[in-house]
């Protein structure tokens, strides 16, 4: 089962119209890795921080 933070992150992505592919590209990760984390199949210790930082950066770029 995915962690609560992943649901919140996906909601923020949806509201900002940012795709998982864009997030993966920003993070320098494979889109499959991003999908696995967001779906709860893989949960690295630093994922929450890394994903949120990348998403914050993408949102900032969109509004700049």
PDB file of N, CA and C in Angstrom:
ATOM      1  N   UNK A   1       0.846  -1.182   0.000  1.00  0.00           N
ATOM      2  CA  UNK A   1       0.000   0.000   0.000  1.00  0.00           C
ATOM      3  C   UNK A   1       0.892   1.246   0.000  1.00  0.00           C
ATOM      4  N   UNK A   2       0.561   2.210  -0.858  1.00  0.00           N
ATOM      5  CA  UNK A   2       1.385   3.426  -0.933  1.00  0.00           C
ATOM      6  C   UNK A   2       1.324   4.230   0.365  1.00  0.00           C
ATOM      7  N   UNK A   3       2.400   4.932   0.640  1.00  0.00           N
ATOM      8  CA  UNK A   3       2.439   5.811   1.810  1.00  0.00           C
ATOM      9  C   UNK A   3       1.525   7.009   1.586  1.00  0.00           C
ATOM     10  N   UNK A   4       1.091   7.629   2.670  1.00  0.00           N
ATOM     11  CA  UNK A   4       0.174   8.768   2.561  1.00  0.00           C
ATOM     12  C   UNK A   4       0.789   9.901   1.751  1.00  0.00           C
ATOM     13  N   UNK A   5       2.083  10.127   1.906  1.00  0.00           N
ATOM     14  CA  UNK A   5       2.708  11.250   1.203  1.00  0.00           C
ATOM     15  C   UNK A   5       2.604  11.091  -0.308  1.00  0.00           C
ATOM     16  N   UNK A   6       2.567   9.843  -0.806  1.00  0.00           N
ATOM     17  CA  UNK A   6       2.487   9.666  -2.257  1.00  0.00           C
ATOM     18  C   UNK A   6       1.127  10.129  -2.790  1.00  0.00           C
ATOM     19  N   UNK A   7       0.071   9.883  -2.034  1.00  0.00           N
ATOM     20  CA  UNK A   7      -1.257  10.352  -2.441  1.00  0.00           C
ATOM     21  C   UNK A   7      -1.321  11.864  -2.481  1.00  0.00           C
ATOM     22  N   UNK A   8      -0.720  12.492  -1.489  1.00  0.00           N
ATOM     23  CA  UNK A   8      -0.689  13.958  -1.449  1.00  0.00           C
ATOM     24  C   UNK A   8       0.136  14.502  -2.616  1.00  0.00           C
ATOM     25  N   UNK A   9       1.256  13.847  -2.907  1.00  0.00           N
ATOM     26  CA  UNK A   9       2.118  14.280  -4.004  1.00  0.00           C
ATOM     27  C   UNK A   9       1.399  14.155  -5.339  1.00  0.00           C
ATOM     28  N   UNK A  10       0.710  13.026  -5.550  1.00  0.00           N
ATOM     29  CA  UNK A  10      -0.026  12.818  -6.803  1.00  0.00           C
ATOM     30  C   UNK A  10      -1.119  13.884  -6.945  1.00  0.00           C
ATOM     31  N   UNK A  11      -1.779  14.230  -5.855  1.00  0.00           N
ATOM     32  CA  UNK A  11      -2.785  15.289  -5.896  1.00  0.00           C
ATOM     33  C   UNK A  11      -2.185  16.628  -6.297  1.00  0.00           C
ATOM     34  N   UNK A  12      -1.037  16.951  -5.732  1.00  0.00           N
ATOM     35  CA  UNK A  12      -0.335  18.196  -6.094  1.00  0.00           C
ATOM     36  C   UNK A  12       0.098  18.170  -7.555  1.00  0.00           C
ATOM     37  N   UNK A  13       0.566  16.997  -8.012  1.00  0.00           N
ATOM     38  CA  UNK A  13       0.961  16.862  -9.420  1.00  0.00           C
ATOM     39  C   UNK A  13      -0.239  17.116 -10.330  1.00  0.00           C
ATOM     40  N   UNK A  14      -1.370  16.528  -9.980  1.00  0.00           N
ATOM     41  CA  UNK A  14      -2.586  16.692 -10.774  1.00  0.00           C
ATOM     42  C   UNK A  14      -3.000  18.166 -10.838  1.00  0.00           C
ATOM     43  N   UNK A  15      -3.005  18.826  -9.689  1.00  0.00           N
ATOM     44  CA  UNK A  15      -3.407  20.236  -9.635  1.00  0.00           C
ATOM     45  C   UNK A  15      -2.472  21.126 -10.440  1.00  0.00           C
ATOM     46  N   UNK A  16      -1.189  20.774 -10.470  1.00  0.00           N
ATOM     47  CA  UNK A  16      -0.200  21.572 -11.193  1.00  0.00           C
ATOM     48  C   UNK A  16      -0.029  21.104 -12.642  1.00  0.00           C
ATOM     49  N   UNK A  17      -0.765  20.061 -13.011  1.00  0.00           N
ATOM     50  CA  UNK A  17      -0.686  19.478 -14.361  1.00  0.00           C
ATOM     51  C   UNK A  17       0.743  19.050 -14.700  1.00  0.00           C
ATOM     52  N   UNK A  18       1.337  18.317 -13.774  1.00  0.00           N
ATOM     53  CA  UNK A  18       2.690  17.778 -13.952  1.00  0.00           C
ATOM     54  C   UNK A  18       2.584  16.258 -14.002  1.00  0.00           C
ATOM     55  N   UNK A  19       3.195  15.677 -15.011  1.00  0.00           N
ATOM     56  CA  UNK A  19       3.119  14.225 -15.185  1.00  0.00           C
ATOM     57  C   UNK A  19       4.247  13.515 -14.422  1.00  0.00           C
ATOM     58  N   UNK A  20       4.055  12.231 -14.232  1.00  0.00           N
ATOM     59  CA  UNK A  20       5.089  11.415 -13.588  1.00  0.00           C
ATOM     60  C   UNK A  20       6.347  11.404 -14.449  1.00  0.00           C
ATOM     61  N   UNK A  21       6.161  11.449 -15.754  1.00  0.00           N
ATOM     62  CA  UNK A  21       7.307  11.474 -16.671  1.00  0.00           C
ATOM     63  C   UNK A  21       8.114  12.770 -16.484  1.00  0.00           C
ATOM     64  N   UNK A  22       7.430  13.895 -16.340  1.00  0.00           N
ATOM     65  CA  UNK A  22       8.119  15.164 -16.098  1.00  0.00           C
ATOM     66  C   UNK A  22       8.856  15.128 -14.764  1.00  0.00           C
ATOM     67  N   UNK A  23       8.211  14.553 -13.762  1.00  0.00           N
ATOM     68  CA  UNK A  23       8.819  14.447 -12.439  1.00  0.00           C
ATOM     69  C   UNK A  23      10.073  13.574 -12.506  1.00  0.00           C
ATOM     70  N   UNK A  24       9.976  12.457 -13.206  1.00  0.00           N
ATOM     71  CA  UNK A  24      11.122  11.557 -13.355  1.00  0.00           C
ATOM     72  C   UNK A  24      12.277  12.267 -14.045  1.00  0.00           C
ATOM     73  N   UNK A  25      11.956  13.012 -15.078  1.00  0.00           N
ATOM     74  CA  UNK A  25      12.991  13.742 -15.819  1.00  0.00           C
ATOM     75  C   UNK A  25      13.675  14.765 -14.918  1.00  0.00           C
ATOM     76  N   UNK A  26      12.897  15.479 -14.129  1.00  0.00           N
ATOM     77  CA  UNK A  26      13.448  16.477 -13.215  1.00  0.00           C
ATOM     78  C   UNK A  26      14.362  15.831 -12.189  1.00  0.00           C
ATOM     79  N   UNK A  27      13.996  14.637 -11.738  1.00  0.00           N
ATOM     80  CA  UNK A  27      14.768  13.926 -10.724  1.00  0.00           C
ATOM     81  C   UNK A  27      15.959  13.173 -11.313  1.00  0.00           C
ATOM     82  N   UNK A  28      15.993  13.041 -12.633  1.00  0.00           N
ATOM     83  CA  UNK A  28      17.046  12.259 -13.265  1.00  0.00           C
ATOM     84  C   UNK A  28      16.866  10.772 -13.023  1.00  0.00           C
ATOM     85  N   UNK A  29      15.606  10.362 -12.900  1.00  0.00           N
ATOM     86  CA  UNK A  29      15.274   8.960 -12.616  1.00  0.00           C
ATOM     87  C   UNK A  29      14.487   8.373 -13.781  1.00  0.00           C
ATOM     88  N   UNK A  30      14.436   7.055 -13.809  1.00  0.00           N
ATOM     89  CA  UNK A  30      13.643   6.346 -14.798  1.00  0.00           C
ATOM     90  C   UNK A  30      12.158   6.492 -14.432  1.00  0.00           C
ATOM     91  N   UNK A  31      11.288   6.755 -15.419  1.00  0.00           N
ATOM     92  CA  UNK A  31       9.849   6.856 -15.122  1.00  0.00           C
ATOM     93  C   UNK A  31       9.282   5.618 -14.431  1.00  0.00           C
ATOM     94  N   UNK A  32       9.847   4.447 -14.726  1.00  0.00           N
ATOM     95  CA  UNK A  32       9.376   3.214 -14.078  1.00  0.00           C
ATOM     96  C   UNK A  32       9.654   3.264 -12.576  1.00  0.00           C
ATOM     97  N   UNK A  33      10.808   3.802 -12.189  1.00  0.00           N
ATOM     98  CA  UNK A  33      11.156   3.958 -10.771  1.00  0.00           C
ATOM     99  C   UNK A  33      10.134   4.866 -10.082  1.00  0.00           C
ATOM    100  N   UNK A  34       9.823   5.985 -10.726  1.00  0.00           N
ATOM    101  CA  UNK A  34       8.856   6.928 -10.159  1.00  0.00           C
ATOM    102  C   UNK A  34       7.505   6.243  -9.988  1.00  0.00           C
ATOM    103  N   UNK A  35       7.090   5.505 -10.985  1.00  0.00           N
ATOM    104  CA  UNK A  35       5.818   4.785 -10.914  1.00  0.00           C
ATOM    105  C   UNK A  35       5.817   3.782  -9.765  1.00  0.00           C
ATOM    106  N   UNK A  36       6.910   3.039  -9.611  1.00  0.00           N
ATOM    107  CA  UNK A  36       6.992   2.046  -8.540  1.00  0.00           C
ATOM    108  C   UNK A  36       6.885   2.696  -7.169  1.00  0.00           C
ATOM    109  N   UNK A  37       7.530   3.828  -6.991  1.00  0.00           N
ATOM    110  CA  UNK A  37       7.475   4.525  -5.703  1.00  0.00           C
ATOM    111  C   UNK A  37       6.067   5.060  -5.456  1.00  0.00           C
ATOM    112  N   UNK A  38       5.491   5.720  -6.461  1.00  0.00           N
ATOM    113  CA  UNK A  38       4.164   6.316  -6.294  1.00  0.00           C
ATOM    114  C   UNK A  38       3.081   5.258  -6.070  1.00  0.00           C
ATOM    115  N   UNK A  39       3.289   4.056  -6.574  1.00  0.00           N
ATOM    116  CA  UNK A  39       2.311   2.978  -6.400  1.00  0.00           C
ATOM    117  C   UNK A  39       2.590   2.104  -5.187  1.00  0.00           C
ATOM    118  N   UNK A  40       3.629   2.452  -4.421  1.00  0.00           N
ATOM    119  CA  UNK A  40       3.912   1.737  -3.189  1.00  0.00           C
ATOM    120  C   UNK A  40       4.663   0.431  -3.347  1.00  0.00           C
ATOM    121  N   UNK A  41       5.230   0.183  -4.530  1.00  0.00           N
ATOM    122  CA  UNK A  41       5.964  -1.053  -4.752  1.00  0.00           C
ATOM    123  C   UNK A  41       7.418  -0.957  -4.301  1.00  0.00           C
ATOM    124  N   UNK A  42       7.875   0.261  -4.079  1.00  0.00           N
ATOM    125  CA  UNK A  42       9.259   0.499  -3.678  1.00  0.00           C
ATOM    126  C   UNK A  42       9.247   1.734  -2.797  1.00  0.00           C
ATOM    127  N   UNK A  43       9.926   1.695  -1.662  1.00  0.00           N
ATOM    128  CA  UNK A  43       9.903   2.855  -0.777  1.00  0.00           C
ATOM    129  C   UNK A  43      11.272   3.162  -0.174  1.00  0.00           C
ATOM    130  N   UNK A  44      12.122   3.814  -0.967  1.00  0.00           N
ATOM    131  CA  UNK A  44      13.423   4.225  -0.453  1.00  0.00           C
ATOM    132  C   UNK A  44      13.271   5.282   0.645  1.00  0.00           C
ATOM    133  N   UNK A  45      14.214   5.311   1.559  1.00  0.00           N
ATOM    134  CA  UNK A  45      14.124   6.219   2.710  1.00  0.00           C
ATOM    135  C   UNK A  45      14.068   7.686   2.325  1.00  0.00           C
ATOM    136  N   UNK A  46      14.782   8.074   1.271  1.00  0.00           N
ATOM    137  CA  UNK A  46      14.857   9.492   0.901  1.00  0.00           C
ATOM    138  C   UNK A  46      13.818   9.902  -0.133  1.00  0.00           C
ATOM    139  N   UNK A  47      12.956   8.985  -0.521  1.00  0.00           N
ATOM    140  CA  UNK A  47      12.016   9.256  -1.617  1.00  0.00           C
ATOM    141  C   UNK A  47      11.098  10.436  -1.333  1.00  0.00           C
ATOM    142  N   UNK A  48      10.518  10.509  -0.151  1.00  0.00           N
ATOM    143  CA  UNK A  48       9.559  11.582   0.134  1.00  0.00           C
ATOM    144  C   UNK A  48      10.206  12.951  -0.070  1.00  0.00           C
ATOM    145  N   UNK A  49      11.391  13.129   0.476  1.00  0.00           N
ATOM    146  CA  UNK A  49      12.083  14.409   0.340  1.00  0.00           C
ATOM    147  C   UNK A  49      12.441  14.683  -1.124  1.00  0.00           C
ATOM    148  N   UNK A  50      13.010  13.696  -1.805  1.00  0.00           N
ATOM    149  CA  UNK A  50      13.430  13.872  -3.204  1.00  0.00           C
ATOM    150  C   UNK A  50      12.245  14.190  -4.120  1.00  0.00           C
ATOM    151  N   UNK A  51      11.165  13.465  -3.956  1.00  0.00           N
ATOM    152  CA  UNK A  51       9.995  13.677  -4.811  1.00  0.00           C
ATOM    153  C   UNK A  51       9.381  15.054  -4.562  1.00  0.00           C
ATOM    154  N   UNK A  52       9.248  15.433  -3.293  1.00  0.00           N
ATOM    155  CA  UNK A  52       8.662  16.737  -2.981  1.00  0.00           C
ATOM    156  C   UNK A  52       9.541  17.884  -3.450  1.00  0.00           C
ATOM    157  N   UNK A  53      10.851  17.756  -3.308  1.00  0.00           N
ATOM    158  CA  UNK A  53      11.753  18.811  -3.779  1.00  0.00           C
ATOM    159  C   UNK A  53      11.658  18.968  -5.293  1.00  0.00           C
ATOM    160  N   UNK A  54      11.631  17.854  -6.009  1.00  0.00           N
ATOM    161  CA  UNK A  54      11.529  17.908  -7.469  1.00  0.00           C
ATOM    162  C   UNK A  54      10.198  18.520  -7.896  1.00  0.00           C
ATOM    163  N   UNK A  55       9.117  18.131  -7.233  1.00  0.00           N
ATOM    164  CA  UNK A  55       7.807  18.674  -7.580  1.00  0.00           C
ATOM    165  C   UNK A  55       7.738  20.163  -7.259  1.00  0.00           C
ATOM    166  N   UNK A  56       8.247  20.563  -6.110  1.00  0.00           N
ATOM    167  CA  UNK A  56       8.269  21.993  -5.766  1.00  0.00           C
ATOM    168  C   UNK A  56       9.019  22.783  -6.825  1.00  0.00           C
ATOM    169  N   UNK A  57      10.134  22.257  -7.280  1.00  0.00           N
ATOM    170  CA  UNK A  57      10.939  22.924  -8.299  1.00  0.00           C
ATOM    171  C   UNK A  57      10.172  23.048  -9.617  1.00  0.00           C
ATOM    172  N   UNK A  58       9.506  21.977 -10.019  1.00  0.00           N
ATOM    173  CA  UNK A  58       8.715  22.015 -11.262  1.00  0.00           C
ATOM    174  C   UNK A  58       7.569  23.018 -11.166  1.00  0.00           C
ATOM    175  N   UNK A  59       6.907  23.047 -10.022  1.00  0.00           N
ATOM    176  CA  UNK A  59       5.798  23.995  -9.844  1.00  0.00           C
ATOM    177  C   UNK A  59       6.323  25.422  -9.893  1.00  0.00           C
ATOM    178  N   UNK A  60       7.449  25.661  -9.262  1.00  0.00           N
ATOM    179  CA  UNK A  60       8.059  26.999  -9.278  1.00  0.00           C
ATOM    180  C   UNK A  60       8.419  27.417 -10.707  1.00  0.00           C
ATOM    181  N   UNK A  61       8.964  26.493 -11.485  1.00  0.00           N
ATOM    182  CA  UNK A  61       9.321  26.777 -12.874  1.00  0.00           C
ATOM    183  C   UNK A  61       8.083  27.135 -13.697  1.00  0.00           C
ATOM    184  N   UNK A  62       6.981  26.464 -13.419  1.00  0.00           N
ATOM    185  CA  UNK A  62       5.735  26.732 -14.167  1.00  0.00           C
ATOM    186  C   UNK A  62       5.157  28.101 -13.857  1.00  0.00           C
ATOM    187  N   UNK A  63       5.346  28.551 -12.621  1.00  0.00           N
ATOM    188  CA  UNK A  63       4.736  29.833 -12.223  1.00  0.00           C
ATOM    189  C   UNK A  63       5.680  31.008 -12.428  1.00  0.00           C
ATOM    190  N   UNK A  64       6.920  30.737 -12.784  1.00  0.00           N
ATOM    191  CA  UNK A  64       7.894  31.817 -12.976  1.00  0.00           C
ATOM    192  C   UNK A  64       7.742  32.470 -14.331  1.00  0.00           C
TER     193      UNK A  64
END
